[in-house]
Amino acid sequence: MPQLNPAPWFAILIFSWLVFLTILVPKVLAYSFPNEAAPQSTQAPKTEPWTWPWH
């Protein structure tokens, strides 16, 4: 049964992982977000009750 011969499939597996690790991963890690997150203040915002006129 020739499909059980691991020689060509192992080489294809290793080559595909080398391509993945050398080309795709640096491209994904180099992606920059267009709007960086601003640091949030640690103080809680002051809340006030609503002054809606109830009819």
Protein backbone atom coordinates (compact mmCIF):
# COMPACT_ATOMS: atom_id res chain seq x y z
CA MET A 1 0.00 0.00 0.00
CA PRO A 2 1.91 3.07 -1.19
CA GLN A 3 -0.06 5.63 0.82
CA LEU A 4 1.48 4.27 4.02
CA ASN A 5 4.99 5.25 2.91
CA PRO A 6 5.77 8.22 5.22
CA ALA A 7 8.72 9.56 3.23
CA PRO A 8 6.97 11.97 0.82
CA TRP A 9 4.23 13.01 3.25
CA PHE A 10 6.66 13.77 6.07
CA ALA A 11 8.73 15.96 3.74
CA ILE A 12 5.58 17.81 2.61
CA LEU A 13 4.52 18.29 6.22
CA ILE A 14 7.90 19.69 7.26
CA PHE A 15 8.11 21.96 4.22
CA SER A 16 4.61 23.33 4.75
CA TRP A 17 5.34 24.09 8.42
CA LEU A 18 8.60 25.80 7.47
CA VAL A 19 6.71 27.98 5.02
CA PHE A 20 4.08 28.72 7.64
CA LEU A 21 6.62 29.63 10.33
CA THR A 22 8.95 31.69 8.15
CA ILE A 23 6.46 33.61 6.00
CA LEU A 24 3.01 33.76 7.54
CA VAL A 25 3.76 34.19 11.24
CA PRO A 26 5.98 37.31 10.86
CA LYS A 27 3.38 38.87 8.56
CA VAL A 28 0.65 38.32 11.13
CA LEU A 29 2.78 39.58 14.00
CA ALA A 30 3.79 42.70 12.05
CA TYR A 31 0.15 43.73 11.61
CA SER A 32 -0.53 47.00 13.38
CA PHE A 33 -3.94 48.12 14.47
CA PRO A 34 -5.01 51.48 12.98
CA ASN A 35 -6.16 52.92 16.29
CA GLU A 36 -4.11 52.00 19.32
CA ALA A 37 -5.85 51.71 22.66
CA ALA A 38 -5.53 54.74 24.91
CA PRO A 39 -4.72 54.11 28.57
CA GLN A 40 -7.77 54.35 30.78
CA SER A 41 -7.83 56.41 33.96
CA THR A 42 -8.03 54.49 37.21
CA GLN A 43 -10.58 56.87 38.75
CA ALA A 44 -14.23 55.94 38.48
CA PRO A 45 -16.34 58.47 36.59
CA LYS A 46 -18.56 60.67 38.75
CA THR A 47 -22.17 59.72 38.26
CA GLU A 48 -25.10 62.01 38.90
CA PRO A 49 -28.80 61.17 39.12
CA TRP A 50 -30.99 61.98 36.17
CA THR A 51 -33.20 65.02 36.52
CA TRP A 52 -35.95 64.06 34.15
CA PRO A 53 -39.33 65.67 34.71
CA TRP A 54 -41.81 62.86 35.27
CA HIS A 55 -45.37 63.70 34.27
